[in-house]
Amino acid sequence: MAALGCALAALAGLGSTTLPAAAGERPLILAQGAPLQLGPPGGATPPARGAPTAPPTQPGTAPAAAPAAGAPLSSPVRRAAPRAARGVDADSRDIAQQVNAYFNSIRYMQGDFVQIGPDGRRTTGKLYLDKPGKIRFQYNPPSPVEVIADGQSVAVRDRRLNTQDIYPLSQTPLRFLLSDRVDILRDANVTSVTRDPEYVIVMLEERQALGGTNRLMVLFNASDMTLRQWTVYDAQGYETSVALHNLDPRTRPDQRLFRINYQRLLE
């Protein structure tokens, strides 16, 4: 059994909490709309801070060619993170309002995700969302992990180990994505908002008393502001990306998908 780093802790402020799971697996937790995957797979010890063996793409590095806007993303796009800016100008505020309008137009959604971890490992699964407060990340086999929010709590389940960890939804940044109304400039620490021919790119920072600063890059289609991908750059220098595809905002997910069995905690 491997410890899951601080999947909730680094961005959600849950201290040094570790989440048990099978070797090589990491659960996906949204951090202001993003997942976080810390450390190498299989329980290996990460490199010393400041000296990662495989550093992520640095700001200013030329990204790989991106698919045309609107094309399905079956794998995350390699994108250089914009440099942090001091404040957000008027044009950026207008773009941020478009992002808000997109998030606030979503009531429910389901689709597929592809996650690429710091070691290049590819994991896939299903996403289900029902606002306010409900979300489920169901990893495809061989991963045994499920992450479920029912509007009050977040449960991280490991079907293989038959374990379940519960956290208050109010103590995790999941509340940002799952809020009934979203205002990214008010509810998050936005450092820059930029637009290129393919994407609108929003950069956010989350500072923790322990663990340093984590950065989050969220990509939207420039043409219709549809959420396409997010990338987390953690304080240790690791990078994790998640691409969304086959999104269906018209079919409401089965409400049974968001049920948490609290009785298990009493057994």
C-alpha atoms as a PDB file:
ATOM      1  CA  MET A   1       0.000   0.000   0.000  1.00  0.00           C
ATOM      2  CA  ALA A   2       1.319   3.406  -0.947  1.00  0.00           C
ATOM      3  CA  ALA A   3       0.541   6.724   0.692  1.00  0.00           C
ATOM      4  CA  LEU A   4      -1.129   9.151  -1.656  1.00  0.00           C
ATOM      5  CA  GLY A   5       1.123  12.082  -0.836  1.00  0.00           C
ATOM      6  CA  CYS A   6      -1.129  15.002   0.090  1.00  0.00           C
ATOM      7  CA  ALA A   7      -3.719  14.878  -2.668  1.00  0.00           C
ATOM      8  CA  LEU A   8      -6.133  16.904  -0.578  1.00  0.00           C
ATOM      9  CA  ALA A   9      -3.618  18.532   1.747  1.00  0.00           C
ATOM     10  CA  ALA A  10      -1.438  20.628  -0.548  1.00  0.00           C
ATOM     11  CA  LEU A  11      -4.314  22.586  -2.087  1.00  0.00           C
ATOM     12  CA  ALA A  12      -7.201  21.939   0.260  1.00  0.00           C
ATOM     13  CA  GLY A  13      -5.539  22.876   3.542  1.00  0.00           C
ATOM     14  CA  LEU A  14      -5.979  19.494   5.228  1.00  0.00           C
ATOM     15  CA  GLY A  15      -2.549  19.428   6.851  1.00  0.00           C
ATOM     16  CA  SER A  16      -0.478  16.276   6.382  1.00  0.00           C
ATOM     17  CA  THR A  17      -3.379  13.964   5.599  1.00  0.00           C
ATOM     18  CA  THR A  18      -2.431  10.941   3.502  1.00  0.00           C
ATOM     19  CA  LEU A  19      -4.893   8.846   1.569  1.00  0.00           C
ATOM     20  CA  PRO A  20      -4.315   5.079   1.277  1.00  0.00           C
ATOM     21  CA  ALA A  21      -4.472   3.428  -2.130  1.00  0.00           C
ATOM     22  CA  ALA A  22      -2.920   0.709  -4.206  1.00  0.00           C
ATOM     23  CA  ALA A  23       0.654   1.194  -5.370  1.00  0.00           C
ATOM     24  CA  GLY A  24       0.925   3.440  -8.383  1.00  0.00           C
ATOM     25  CA  GLU A  25      -2.541   5.003  -8.045  1.00  0.00           C
ATOM     26  CA  ARG A  26      -3.355   8.595  -7.167  1.00  0.00           C
ATOM     27  CA  PRO A  27      -6.897   9.931  -6.686  1.00  0.00           C
ATOM     28  CA  LEU A  28      -8.006  13.062  -8.447  1.00  0.00           C
ATOM     29  CA  ILE A  29      -9.110  15.983  -6.291  1.00  0.00           C
ATOM     30  CA  LEU A  30     -10.191  19.297  -7.716  1.00  0.00           C
ATOM     31  CA  ALA A  31      -8.235  22.263  -6.555  1.00  0.00           C
ATOM     32  CA  GLN A  32     -10.184  25.330  -7.594  1.00  0.00           C
ATOM     33  CA  GLY A  33     -11.306  23.236 -10.504  1.00  0.00           C
ATOM     34  CA  ALA A  34      -8.201  21.155 -10.772  1.00  0.00           C
ATOM     35  CA  PRO A  35      -6.812  17.830  -9.753  1.00  0.00           C
ATOM     36  CA  LEU A  36      -3.628  17.337  -7.785  1.00  0.00           C
ATOM     37  CA  GLN A  37      -1.284  14.375  -8.025  1.00  0.00           C
ATOM     38  CA  LEU A  38       1.783  14.545  -5.807  1.00  0.00           C
ATOM     39  CA  GLY A  39       4.939  12.501  -6.031  1.00  0.00           C
ATOM     40  CA  PRO A  40       5.976   9.589  -8.228  1.00  0.00           C
ATOM     41  CA  PRO A  41       3.855   6.422  -8.436  1.00  0.00           C
ATOM     42  CA  GLY A  42       4.334   3.273  -6.451  1.00  0.00           C
ATOM     43  CA  GLY A  43       5.161   5.040  -3.205  1.00  0.00           C
ATOM     44  CA  ALA A  44       8.643   6.041  -4.386  1.00  0.00           C
ATOM     45  CA  THR A  45      10.316   8.846  -2.478  1.00  0.00           C
ATOM     46  CA  PRO A  46      10.112  12.132  -4.425  1.00  0.00           C
ATOM     47  CA  PRO A  47      13.329  14.038  -5.124  1.00  0.00           C
ATOM     48  CA  ALA A  48      14.445  16.738  -2.731  1.00  0.00           C
ATOM     49  CA  ARG A  49      12.607  20.008  -3.098  1.00  0.00           C
ATOM     50  CA  GLY A  50      14.184  22.223  -5.683  1.00  0.00           C
ATOM     51  CA  ALA A  51      15.828  19.298  -7.473  1.00  0.00           C
ATOM     52  CA  PRO A  52      13.155  17.260  -9.300  1.00  0.00           C
ATOM     53  CA  THR A  53      14.632  14.615 -11.586  1.00  0.00           C
ATOM     54  CA  ALA A  54      12.170  15.405 -14.360  1.00  0.00           C
ATOM     55  CA  PRO A  55      11.156  19.058 -14.016  1.00  0.00           C
ATOM     56  CA  PRO A  56       7.919  20.155 -15.663  1.00  0.00           C
ATOM     57  CA  THR A  57       7.740  22.548 -18.554  1.00  0.00           C
ATOM     58  CA  GLN A  58       8.856  25.941 -17.297  1.00  0.00           C
ATOM     59  CA  PRO A  59       7.102  29.213 -18.089  1.00  0.00           C
ATOM     60  CA  GLY A  60       8.284  30.527 -21.412  1.00  0.00           C
ATOM     61  CA  THR A  61       9.026  27.082 -22.861  1.00  0.00           C
ATOM     62  CA  ALA A  62       7.559  26.654 -26.328  1.00  0.00           C
ATOM     63  CA  PRO A  63       4.557  24.330 -26.115  1.00  0.00           C
ATOM     64  CA  ALA A  64       3.830  21.469 -28.460  1.00  0.00           C
ATOM     65  CA  ALA A  65       1.363  22.106 -31.252  1.00  0.00           C
ATOM     66  CA  ALA A  66      -2.210  22.162 -29.983  1.00  0.00           C
ATOM     67  CA  PRO A  67      -5.260  20.691 -31.708  1.00  0.00           C
ATOM     68  CA  ALA A  68      -7.713  23.043 -33.325  1.00  0.00           C
ATOM     69  CA  ALA A  69     -10.194  24.666 -30.976  1.00  0.00           C
ATOM     70  CA  GLY A  70     -13.238  22.481 -30.554  1.00  0.00           C
ATOM     71  CA  ALA A  71     -11.444  19.253 -31.474  1.00  0.00           C
ATOM     72  CA  PRO A  72     -11.813  16.428 -28.915  1.00  0.00           C
ATOM     73  CA  LEU A  73      -8.970  16.234 -26.415  1.00  0.00           C
ATOM     74  CA  SER A  74      -8.147  12.571 -25.920  1.00  0.00           C
ATOM     75  CA  SER A  75      -4.973  13.561 -24.066  1.00  0.00           C
ATOM     76  CA  PRO A  76      -3.844  16.756 -22.301  1.00  0.00           C
ATOM     77  CA  VAL A  77      -2.332  19.498 -24.435  1.00  0.00           C
ATOM     78  CA  ARG A  78       1.226  20.518 -23.577  1.00  0.00           C
ATOM     79  CA  ARG A  79       1.003  24.208 -22.791  1.00  0.00           C
ATOM     80  CA  ALA A  80       3.512  26.592 -21.248  1.00  0.00           C
ATOM     81  CA  ALA A  81       2.182  28.348 -18.168  1.00  0.00           C
ATOM     82  CA  PRO A  82       1.953  32.135 -18.590  1.00  0.00           C
ATOM     83  CA  ARG A  83       4.098  34.128 -16.241  1.00  0.00           C
ATOM     84  CA  ALA A  84       2.283  35.450 -13.199  1.00  0.00           C
ATOM     85  CA  ALA A  85       1.106  39.037 -13.519  1.00  0.00           C
ATOM     86  CA  ARG A  86       0.444  41.564 -10.799  1.00  0.00           C
ATOM     87  CA  GLY A  87      -3.253  42.284 -10.899  1.00  0.00           C
ATOM     88  CA  VAL A  88      -5.761  41.688 -13.685  1.00  0.00           C
ATOM     89  CA  ASP A  89      -6.410  44.371 -16.308  1.00  0.00           C
ATOM     90  CA  ALA A  90      -9.762  45.385 -17.774  1.00  0.00           C
ATOM     91  CA  ASP A  91      -9.504  43.058 -20.793  1.00  0.00           C
ATOM     92  CA  SER A  92      -8.665  40.151 -18.507  1.00  0.00           C
ATOM     93  CA  ARG A  93     -11.631  40.996 -16.305  1.00  0.00           C
ATOM     94  CA  ASP A  94     -13.903  40.811 -19.345  1.00  0.00           C
ATOM     95  CA  ILE A  95     -12.536  37.356 -20.167  1.00  0.00           C
ATOM     96  CA  ALA A  96     -12.949  36.315 -16.532  1.00  0.00           C
ATOM     97  CA  GLN A  97     -16.605  37.315 -16.706  1.00  0.00           C
ATOM     98  CA  GLN A  98     -17.012  35.024 -19.724  1.00  0.00           C
ATOM     99  CA  VAL A  99     -15.451  32.205 -17.705  1.00  0.00           C
ATOM    100  CA  ASN A 100     -17.876  32.951 -14.868  1.00  0.00           C
ATOM    101  CA  ALA A 101     -20.810  32.885 -17.287  1.00  0.00           C
ATOM    102  CA  TYR A 102     -19.704  29.475 -18.569  1.00  0.00           C
ATOM    103  CA  PHE A 103     -19.358  27.946 -15.088  1.00  0.00           C
ATOM    104  CA  ASN A 104     -22.640  29.460 -13.935  1.00  0.00           C
ATOM    105  CA  SER A 105     -24.479  28.117 -16.985  1.00  0.00           C
ATOM    106  CA  ILE A 106     -23.594  24.537 -16.014  1.00  0.00           C
ATOM    107  CA  ARG A 107     -26.108  22.771 -13.791  1.00  0.00           C
ATOM    108  CA  TYR A 108     -24.979  19.209 -14.457  1.00  0.00           C
ATOM    109  CA  MET A 109     -22.503  17.446 -16.722  1.00  0.00           C
ATOM    110  CA  GLN A 110     -20.903  14.088 -17.402  1.00  0.00           C
ATOM    111  CA  GLY A 111     -18.045  12.980 -19.603  1.00  0.00           C
ATOM    112  CA  ASP A 112     -14.626  11.350 -19.780  1.00  0.00           C
ATOM    113  CA  PHE A 113     -11.248  12.464 -18.480  1.00  0.00           C
ATOM    114  CA  VAL A 114      -7.630  11.577 -19.227  1.00  0.00           C
ATOM    115  CA  GLN A 115      -5.057  12.272 -16.515  1.00  0.00           C
ATOM    116  CA  ILE A 116      -1.313  12.425 -17.166  1.00  0.00           C
ATOM    117  CA  GLY A 117       0.822  12.318 -14.011  1.00  0.00           C
ATOM    118  CA  PRO A 118       4.324  13.663 -13.382  1.00  0.00           C
ATOM    119  CA  ASP A 119       5.842  10.343 -14.517  1.00  0.00           C
ATOM    120  CA  GLY A 120       3.843  10.337 -17.759  1.00  0.00           C
ATOM    121  CA  ARG A 121       1.463   7.656 -16.556  1.00  0.00           C
ATOM    122  CA  ARG A 122      -1.931   7.859 -18.243  1.00  0.00           C
ATOM    123  CA  THR A 123      -5.148   7.245 -16.273  1.00  0.00           C
ATOM    124  CA  THR A 124      -8.703   7.501 -17.577  1.00  0.00           C
ATOM    125  CA  GLY A 125     -12.146   7.653 -16.049  1.00  0.00           C
ATOM    126  CA  LYS A 126     -15.634   9.140 -15.928  1.00  0.00           C
ATOM    127  CA  LEU A 127     -16.680  12.497 -14.493  1.00  0.00           C
ATOM    128  CA  TYR A 128     -20.174  13.227 -13.150  1.00  0.00           C
ATOM    129  CA  LEU A 129     -21.233  16.660 -11.854  1.00  0.00           C
ATOM    130  CA  ASP A 130     -24.502  18.004 -10.436  1.00  0.00           C
ATOM    131  CA  LYS A 131     -24.509  21.508  -8.938  1.00  0.00           C
ATOM    132  CA  PRO A 132     -24.530  22.598  -6.273  1.00  0.00           C
ATOM    133  CA  GLY A 133     -22.156  20.388  -4.353  1.00  0.00           C
ATOM    134  CA  LYS A 134     -22.080  17.015  -6.116  1.00  0.00           C
ATOM    135  CA  ILE A 135     -19.300  15.443  -8.178  1.00  0.00           C
ATOM    136  CA  ARG A 136     -17.858  11.994  -8.801  1.00  0.00           C
ATOM    137  CA  PHE A 137     -14.565  10.912 -10.372  1.00  0.00           C
ATOM    138  CA  GLN A 138     -14.709   7.233 -11.292  1.00  0.00           C
ATOM    139  CA  TYR A 139     -11.324   5.878 -12.393  1.00  0.00           C
ATOM    140  CA  ASN A 140     -11.323   3.086 -14.947  1.00  0.00           C
ATOM    141  CA  PRO A 141      -9.722  -0.283 -14.016  1.00  0.00           C
ATOM    142  CA  PRO A 142      -7.163  -1.187 -12.898  1.00  0.00           C
ATOM    143  CA  SER A 143      -7.445   1.871 -10.629  1.00  0.00           C
ATOM    144  CA  PRO A 144      -9.677   1.149  -7.604  1.00  0.00           C
ATOM    145  CA  VAL A 145     -10.217   4.824  -6.720  1.00  0.00           C
ATOM    146  CA  GLU A 146     -13.486   6.775  -6.516  1.00  0.00           C
ATOM    147  CA  VAL A 147     -13.849  10.384  -5.349  1.00  0.00           C
ATOM    148  CA  ILE A 148     -17.399  11.448  -4.435  1.00  0.00           C
ATOM    149  CA  ALA A 149     -18.890  14.696  -3.122  1.00  0.00           C
ATOM    150  CA  ASP A 150     -22.530  14.599  -1.984  1.00  0.00           C
ATOM    151  CA  GLY A 151     -23.012  18.296  -1.204  1.00  0.00           C
ATOM    152  CA  GLN A 152     -21.715  18.066   2.378  1.00  0.00           C
ATOM    153  CA  SER A 153     -18.671  15.792   2.357  1.00  0.00           C
ATOM    154  CA  VAL A 154     -15.996  14.383   0.057  1.00  0.00           C
ATOM    155  CA  ALA A 155     -15.314  10.635   0.198  1.00  0.00           C
ATOM    156  CA  VAL A 156     -12.168   9.016  -1.210  1.00  0.00           C
ATOM    157  CA  ARG A 157     -12.783   5.300  -1.667  1.00  0.00           C
ATOM    158  CA  ASP A 158     -10.415   2.486  -2.519  1.00  0.00           C
ATOM    159  CA  ARG A 159     -12.413  -0.521  -3.663  1.00  0.00           C
ATOM    160  CA  ARG A 160      -9.367  -2.799  -3.623  1.00  0.00           C
ATOM    161  CA  LEU A 161      -8.448  -2.025  -0.017  1.00  0.00           C
ATOM    162  CA  ASN A 162     -12.057  -1.449   1.050  1.00  0.00           C
ATOM    163  CA  THR A 163     -11.179   1.894   2.649  1.00  0.00           C
ATOM    164  CA  GLN A 164     -12.994   5.213   2.748  1.00  0.00           C
ATOM    165  CA  ASP A 165     -11.792   8.625   3.947  1.00  0.00           C
ATOM    166  CA  ILE A 166     -14.255  11.476   4.538  1.00  0.00           C
ATOM    167  CA  TYR A 167     -13.525  15.232   4.443  1.00  0.00           C
ATOM    168  CA  PRO A 168     -15.876  18.228   4.824  1.00  0.00           C
ATOM    169  CA  LEU A 169     -16.613  19.696   1.406  1.00  0.00           C
ATOM    170  CA  SER A 170     -16.213  23.165   2.938  1.00  0.00           C
ATOM    171  CA  GLN A 171     -12.529  22.409   3.653  1.00  0.00           C
ATOM    172  CA  THR A 172     -11.650  21.541   0.063  1.00  0.00           C
ATOM    173  CA  PRO A 173     -11.464  23.726  -3.046  1.00  0.00           C
ATOM    174  CA  LEU A 174     -14.063  21.446  -4.618  1.00  0.00           C
ATOM    175  CA  ARG A 175     -16.532  24.025  -3.352  1.00  0.00           C
ATOM    176  CA  PHE A 176     -15.220  26.461  -5.989  1.00  0.00           C
ATOM    177  CA  LEU A 177     -16.291  24.345  -8.965  1.00  0.00           C
ATOM    178  CA  LEU A 178     -19.426  23.093  -7.238  1.00  0.00           C
ATOM    179  CA  SER A 179     -20.748  26.451  -6.032  1.00  0.00           C
ATOM    180  CA  ASP A 180     -24.132  27.504  -7.316  1.00  0.00           C
ATOM    181  CA  ARG A 181     -22.586  30.796  -8.463  1.00  0.00           C
ATOM    182  CA  VAL A 182     -18.905  31.214  -9.382  1.00  0.00           C
ATOM    183  CA  ASP A 183     -16.834  34.409  -9.508  1.00  0.00           C
ATOM    184  CA  ILE A 184     -13.207  33.455 -10.143  1.00  0.00           C
ATOM    185  CA  LEU A 185     -11.828  36.928  -9.392  1.00  0.00           C
ATOM    186  CA  ARG A 186     -13.612  36.985  -6.044  1.00  0.00           C
ATOM    187  CA  ASP A 187     -13.323  33.318  -5.033  1.00  0.00           C
ATOM    188  CA  ALA A 188      -9.811  32.483  -6.273  1.00  0.00           C
ATOM    189  CA  ASN A 189      -6.344  34.035  -6.425  1.00  0.00           C
ATOM    190  CA  VAL A 190      -6.153  34.729 -10.173  1.00  0.00           C
ATOM    191  CA  THR A 191      -2.657  35.779 -11.282  1.00  0.00           C
ATOM    192  CA  SER A 192      -3.267  36.102 -15.031  1.00  0.00           C
ATOM    193  CA  VAL A 193      -5.904  35.685 -17.725  1.00  0.00           C
ATOM    194  CA  THR A 194      -4.665  35.392 -21.321  1.00  0.00           C
ATOM    195  CA  ARG A 195      -6.077  34.464 -24.719  1.00  0.00           C
ATOM    196  CA  ASP A 196      -4.427  32.911 -27.761  1.00  0.00           C
ATOM    197  CA  PRO A 197      -6.009  31.650 -31.014  1.00  0.00           C
ATOM    198  CA  GLU A 198      -6.936  28.282 -29.488  1.00  0.00           C
ATOM    199  CA  TYR A 199      -7.411  28.813 -25.770  1.00  0.00           C
ATOM    200  CA  VAL A 200      -8.274  31.135 -22.943  1.00  0.00           C
ATOM    201  CA  ILE A 201      -5.801  30.416 -20.141  1.00  0.00           C
ATOM    202  CA  VAL A 202      -6.503  31.273 -16.503  1.00  0.00           C
ATOM    203  CA  MET A 203      -3.659  30.990 -13.979  1.00  0.00           C
ATOM    204  CA  LEU A 204      -4.346  30.718 -10.251  1.00  0.00           C
ATOM    205  CA  GLU A 205      -2.158  30.308  -7.177  1.00  0.00           C
ATOM    206  CA  GLU A 206      -2.895  28.601  -3.885  1.00  0.00           C
ATOM    207  CA  ARG A 207      -0.541  29.341  -1.012  1.00  0.00           C
ATOM    208  CA  GLN A 208      -0.267  27.015   1.969  1.00  0.00           C
ATOM    209  CA  ALA A 209       1.483  27.609   5.298  1.00  0.00           C
ATOM    210  CA  LEU A 210       2.984  24.143   4.844  1.00  0.00           C
ATOM    211  CA  GLY A 211       3.853  22.917   1.374  1.00  0.00           C
ATOM    212  CA  GLY A 212       4.526  26.180  -0.407  1.00  0.00           C
ATOM    213  CA  THR A 213       2.699  27.522  -3.450  1.00  0.00           C
ATOM    214  CA  ASN A 214       0.807  25.468  -6.012  1.00  0.00           C
ATOM    215  CA  ARG A 215      -0.142  26.867  -9.408  1.00  0.00           C
ATOM    216  CA  LEU A 216      -3.174  25.916 -11.462  1.00  0.00           C
ATOM    217  CA  MET A 217      -3.606  26.514 -15.194  1.00  0.00           C
ATOM    218  CA  VAL A 218      -7.145  26.127 -16.586  1.00  0.00           C
ATOM    219  CA  LEU A 219      -7.731  26.031 -20.354  1.00  0.00           C
ATOM    220  CA  PHE A 220     -10.973  26.901 -22.151  1.00  0.00           C
ATOM    221  CA  ASN A 221     -11.804  26.901 -25.852  1.00  0.00           C
ATOM    222  CA  ALA A 222     -11.325  30.444 -27.123  1.00  0.00           C
ATOM    223  CA  SER A 223     -14.322  30.020 -29.435  1.00  0.00           C
ATOM    224  CA  ASP A 224     -17.007  29.037 -26.907  1.00  0.00           C
ATOM    225  CA  MET A 225     -15.314  29.132 -23.453  1.00  0.00           C
ATOM    226  CA  THR A 226     -15.862  25.387 -22.932  1.00  0.00           C
ATOM    227  CA  LEU A 227     -13.632  23.886 -20.238  1.00  0.00           C
ATOM    228  CA  ARG A 228     -11.028  21.647 -21.898  1.00  0.00           C
ATOM    229  CA  GLN A 229      -8.158  20.986 -19.501  1.00  0.00           C
ATOM    230  CA  TRP A 230      -6.423  21.880 -16.257  1.00  0.00           C
ATOM    231  CA  THR A 231      -2.807  21.475 -15.172  1.00  0.00           C
ATOM    232  CA  VAL A 232      -1.455  21.625 -11.622  1.00  0.00           C
ATOM    233  CA  TYR A 233       2.156  22.621 -10.899  1.00  0.00           C
ATOM    234  CA  ASP A 234       2.812  21.689  -7.288  1.00  0.00           C
ATOM    235  CA  ALA A 235       5.335  23.121  -4.849  1.00  0.00           C
ATOM    236  CA  GLN A 236       7.709  20.179  -5.397  1.00  0.00           C
ATOM    237  CA  GLY A 237       7.956  20.806  -9.130  1.00  0.00           C
ATOM    238  CA  TYR A 238       5.583  18.063 -10.251  1.00  0.00           C
ATOM    239  CA  GLU A 239       3.043  18.598 -13.041  1.00  0.00           C
ATOM    240  CA  THR A 240      -0.289  16.825 -13.566  1.00  0.00           C
ATOM    241  CA  SER A 241      -2.721  17.478 -16.424  1.00  0.00           C
ATOM    242  CA  VAL A 242      -6.324  16.414 -16.985  1.00  0.00           C
ATOM    243  CA  ALA A 243      -8.138  16.721 -20.316  1.00  0.00           C
ATOM    244  CA  LEU A 244     -11.923  16.473 -20.623  1.00  0.00           C
ATOM    245  CA  HIS A 245     -13.784  15.081 -23.613  1.00  0.00           C
ATOM    246  CA  ASN A 246     -17.198  13.712 -24.593  1.00  0.00           C
ATOM    247  CA  LEU A 247     -18.791  16.241 -22.235  1.00  0.00           C
ATOM    248  CA  ASP A 248     -22.584  16.091 -22.043  1.00  0.00           C
ATOM    249  CA  PRO A 249     -24.175  19.088 -20.259  1.00  0.00           C
ATOM    250  CA  ARG A 250     -27.735  17.994 -21.077  1.00  0.00           C
ATOM    251  CA  THR A 251     -28.068  14.589 -19.391  1.00  0.00           C
ATOM    252  CA  ARG A 252     -28.425  14.738 -15.623  1.00  0.00           C
ATOM    253  CA  PRO A 253     -26.391  12.022 -13.822  1.00  0.00           C
ATOM    254  CA  ASP A 254     -28.124   9.376 -11.721  1.00  0.00           C
ATOM    255  CA  GLN A 255     -28.308  10.784  -8.175  1.00  0.00           C
ATOM    256  CA  ARG A 256     -27.224   7.418  -6.755  1.00  0.00           C
ATOM    257  CA  LEU A 257     -23.738   8.158  -8.088  1.00  0.00           C
ATOM    258  CA  PHE A 258     -23.302  10.810  -5.386  1.00  0.00           C
ATOM    259  CA  ARG A 259     -24.294   8.731  -2.369  1.00  0.00           C
ATOM    260  CA  ILE A 260     -21.738   8.281   0.411  1.00  0.00           C
ATOM    261  CA  ASN A 261     -22.140   5.349   2.786  1.00  0.00           C
ATOM    262  CA  TYR A 262     -21.405   6.997   6.145  1.00  0.00           C
ATOM    263  CA  GLN A 263     -22.305   3.769   7.949  1.00  0.00           C
ATOM    264  CA  ARG A 264     -18.955   2.347   6.855  1.00  0.00           C
ATOM    265  CA  LEU A 265     -17.213   4.763   9.223  1.00  0.00           C
ATOM    266  CA  LEU A 266     -19.032   3.208  12.187  1.00  0.00           C
ATOM    267  CA  GLU A 267     -18.181  -0.389  11.354  1.00  0.00           C
END
